[in-house]
C-alpha atoms as a PDB file:
ATOM      1  CA  UNK A   1     -28.463 -20.664 -85.124  1.00  0.00           C
ATOM      2  CA  UNK A   2     -25.937 -19.328 -83.112  1.00  0.00           C
ATOM      3  CA  UNK A   3     -26.419 -19.613 -78.775  1.00  0.00           C
ATOM      4  CA  UNK A   4     -27.258 -16.175 -77.797  1.00  0.00           C
ATOM      5  CA  UNK A   5     -24.756 -15.241 -74.692  1.00  0.00           C
ATOM      6  CA  UNK A   6     -26.281 -14.240 -71.751  1.00  0.00           C
ATOM      7  CA  UNK A   7     -24.528 -11.608 -69.858  1.00  0.00           C
ATOM      8  CA  UNK A   8     -24.881 -10.026 -66.341  1.00  0.00           C
ATOM      9  CA  UNK A   9     -24.551  -6.594 -64.409  1.00  0.00           C
ATOM     10  CA  UNK A  10     -20.888  -8.245 -64.269  1.00  0.00           C
ATOM     11  CA  UNK A  11     -19.885  -7.549 -67.453  1.00  0.00           C
ATOM     12  CA  UNK A  12     -21.199  -4.058 -67.829  1.00  0.00           C
ATOM     13  CA  UNK A  13     -17.816  -1.028 -68.655  1.00  0.00           C
ATOM     14  CA  UNK A  14     -17.431   0.944 -67.262  1.00  0.00           C
ATOM     15  CA  UNK A  15     -16.293   4.317 -67.552  1.00  0.00           C
ATOM     16  CA  UNK A  16     -14.830   5.369 -64.997  1.00  0.00           C
ATOM     17  CA  UNK A  17     -11.107   6.183 -64.057  1.00  0.00           C
ATOM     18  CA  UNK A  18     -10.802   7.405 -67.835  1.00  0.00           C
ATOM     19  CA  UNK A  19     -12.380  11.136 -67.272  1.00  0.00           C
ATOM     20  CA  UNK A  20      -9.541  13.368 -67.513  1.00  0.00           C
ATOM     21  CA  UNK A  21      -8.078  15.354 -64.019  1.00  0.00           C
ATOM     22  CA  UNK A  22      -8.486  19.017 -65.467  1.00  0.00           C
ATOM     23  CA  UNK A  23     -11.358  18.405 -67.014  1.00  0.00           C
ATOM     24  CA  UNK A  24     -13.640  17.817 -63.667  1.00  0.00           C
ATOM     25  CA  UNK A  25     -13.743  21.401 -63.021  1.00  0.00           C
ATOM     26  CA  UNK A  26     -13.382  21.536 -58.677  1.00  0.00           C
ATOM     27  CA  UNK A  27     -10.240  19.374 -59.225  1.00  0.00           C
ATOM     28  CA  UNK A  28      -8.861  22.310 -61.672  1.00  0.00           C
ATOM     29  CA  UNK A  29     -10.190  25.062 -59.504  1.00  0.00           C
ATOM     30  CA  UNK A  30      -8.304  23.245 -56.490  1.00  0.00           C
ATOM     31  CA  UNK A  31      -5.280  23.266 -58.478  1.00  0.00           C
ATOM     32  CA  UNK A  32      -5.437  27.054 -59.243  1.00  0.00           C
ATOM     33  CA  UNK A  33      -6.282  27.604 -55.420  1.00  0.00           C
ATOM     34  CA  UNK A  34      -3.594  25.916 -54.485  1.00  0.00           C
ATOM     35  CA  UNK A  35      -1.138  27.546 -56.301  1.00  0.00           C
ATOM     36  CA  UNK A  36      -2.338  30.703 -56.043  1.00  0.00           C
ATOM     37  CA  UNK A  37      -1.557  30.365 -52.064  1.00  0.00           C
ATOM     38  CA  UNK A  38       1.912  28.733 -52.660  1.00  0.00           C
ATOM     39  CA  UNK A  39       2.070  32.240 -54.821  1.00  0.00           C
ATOM     40  CA  UNK A  40       0.875  34.305 -51.303  1.00  0.00           C
ATOM     41  CA  UNK A  41       2.944  32.566 -49.148  1.00  0.00           C
ATOM     42  CA  UNK A  42       6.345  32.992 -50.828  1.00  0.00           C
ATOM     43  CA  UNK A  43       6.115  36.371 -51.631  1.00  0.00           C
ATOM     44  CA  UNK A  44       5.342  37.127 -47.855  1.00  0.00           C
ATOM     45  CA  UNK A  45       8.204  35.166 -47.381  1.00  0.00           C
ATOM     46  CA  UNK A  46      10.435  37.064 -50.206  1.00  0.00           C
ATOM     47  CA  UNK A  47       9.113  40.777 -48.093  1.00  0.00           C
ATOM     48  CA  UNK A  48      10.356  38.905 -44.608  1.00  0.00           C
ATOM     49  CA  UNK A  49      12.973  37.917 -46.118  1.00  0.00           C
ATOM     50  CA  UNK A  50      13.844  41.909 -47.544  1.00  0.00           C
ATOM     51  CA  UNK A  51      13.178  43.471 -44.895  1.00  0.00           C
ATOM     52  CA  UNK A  52      15.288  40.999 -42.603  1.00  0.00           C
ATOM     53  CA  UNK A  53      18.561  42.375 -44.820  1.00  0.00           C
ATOM     54  CA  UNK A  54      17.118  46.079 -44.601  1.00  0.00           C
ATOM     55  CA  UNK A  55      17.469  46.123 -41.124  1.00  0.00           C
ATOM     56  CA  UNK A  56      20.959  44.261 -41.367  1.00  0.00           C
ATOM     57  CA  UNK A  57      22.332  47.121 -43.896  1.00  0.00           C
ATOM     58  CA  UNK A  58      20.948  49.798 -41.497  1.00  0.00           C
ATOM     59  CA  UNK A  59      22.774  47.915 -38.519  1.00  0.00           C
ATOM     60  CA  UNK A  60      25.701  47.848 -40.592  1.00  0.00           C
ATOM     61  CA  UNK A  61      25.178  51.718 -40.870  1.00  0.00           C
ATOM     62  CA  UNK A  62      24.765  52.863 -37.369  1.00  0.00           C
ATOM     63  CA  UNK A  63      28.260  50.378 -36.525  1.00  0.00           C
ATOM     64  CA  UNK A  64      30.304  52.510 -38.648  1.00  0.00           C
ATOM     65  CA  UNK A  65      28.586  56.295 -37.644  1.00  0.00           C
ATOM     66  CA  UNK A  66      29.490  55.189 -34.163  1.00  0.00           C
ATOM     67  CA  UNK A  67      32.777  53.998 -34.944  1.00  0.00           C
ATOM     68  CA  UNK A  68      33.496  57.270 -36.114  1.00  0.00           C
ATOM     69  CA  UNK A  69      32.636  59.256 -33.123  1.00  0.00           C
ATOM     70  CA  UNK A  70      34.286  56.364 -30.875  1.00  0.00           C
ATOM     71  CA  UNK A  71      37.598  58.021 -33.661  1.00  0.00           C
ATOM     72  CA  UNK A  72      36.737  60.723 -33.620  1.00  0.00           C
ATOM     73  CA  UNK A  73      36.916  61.630 -29.788  1.00  0.00           C
ATOM     74  CA  UNK A  74      40.038  59.928 -29.352  1.00  0.00           C
ATOM     75  CA  UNK A  75      41.529  61.534 -32.005  1.00  0.00           C
ATOM     76  CA  UNK A  76      40.303  65.218 -29.724  1.00  0.00           C
ATOM     77  CA  UNK A  77      41.649  63.864 -26.356  1.00  0.00           C
ATOM     78  CA  UNK A  78      44.820  63.573 -28.796  1.00  0.00           C
ATOM     79  CA  UNK A  79      45.155  59.653 -28.380  1.00  0.00           C
ATOM     80  CA  UNK A  80      47.285  58.428 -31.678  1.00  0.00           C
ATOM     81  CA  UNK A  81      45.096  55.708 -34.007  1.00  0.00           C
ATOM     82  CA  UNK A  82      46.320  52.660 -33.074  1.00  0.00           C
ATOM     83  CA  UNK A  83      46.088  49.549 -35.877  1.00  0.00           C
ATOM     84  CA  UNK A  84      43.028  47.678 -35.918  1.00  0.00           C
ATOM     85  CA  UNK A  85      42.887  44.711 -37.817  1.00  0.00           C
ATOM     86  CA  UNK A  86      40.212  44.563 -40.747  1.00  0.00           C
ATOM     87  CA  UNK A  87      39.756  48.224 -41.268  1.00  0.00           C
ATOM     88  CA  UNK A  88      40.385  49.822 -44.415  1.00  0.00           C
ATOM     89  CA  UNK A  89      42.643  52.368 -44.715  1.00  0.00           C
ATOM     90  CA  UNK A  90      44.586  51.264 -41.047  1.00  0.00           C
ATOM     91  CA  UNK A  91      47.847  49.587 -41.965  1.00  0.00           C
ATOM     92  CA  UNK A  92      48.997  47.061 -39.419  1.00  0.00           C
ATOM     93  CA  UNK A  93      52.714  46.189 -38.499  1.00  0.00           C
ATOM     94  CA  UNK A  94      54.330  43.234 -38.022  1.00  0.00           C
ATOM     95  CA  UNK A  95      55.016  42.565 -34.932  1.00  0.00           C
ATOM     96  CA  UNK A  96      57.300  39.472 -35.166  1.00  0.00           C
ATOM     97  CA  UNK A  97      60.137  39.005 -37.811  1.00  0.00           C
ATOM     98  CA  UNK A  98      59.599  36.545 -40.410  1.00  0.00           C
ATOM     99  CA  UNK A  99      61.351  32.648 -39.631  1.00  0.00           C
ATOM    100  CA  UNK A 100      64.676  33.039 -40.908  1.00  0.00           C
ATOM    101  CA  UNK A 101      64.731  29.248 -41.265  1.00  0.00           C
ATOM    102  CA  UNK A 102      63.066  27.279 -44.271  1.00  0.00           C
ATOM    103  CA  UNK A 103      63.458  23.953 -43.196  1.00  0.00           C
ATOM    104  CA  UNK A 104      60.266  21.651 -41.912  1.00  0.00           C
ATOM    105  CA  UNK A 105      58.745  21.911 -38.344  1.00  0.00           C
ATOM    106  CA  UNK A 106      60.190  18.666 -35.743  1.00  0.00           C
ATOM    107  CA  UNK A 107      58.570  18.290 -32.570  1.00  0.00           C
ATOM    108  CA  UNK A 108      60.449  15.904 -30.235  1.00  0.00           C
ATOM    109  CA  UNK A 109      58.075  13.761 -27.580  1.00  0.00           C
END
């Protein structure tokens, strides 16, 4: 006859840790709620960024209108347009002649 081995409480195998994370309902709902909160927060960030871009575009238009009013007022007084760097339609005239030499630039100490 074989000897029977007595086992105690330490030998009982548990199933903790073997459960799937998605199988536990409250964890799945928690993940869903976190995703929904992030989606809402990102939507608010996007809306805020679009509003800022719209305000910047509006300011560009206001600046252009104000510039046109000033230029029209100057022309009405008989002041001719001068070349302004960076503005379309107005050509710049070079103030200095280009260098005649093509040699290197030397500095003497």
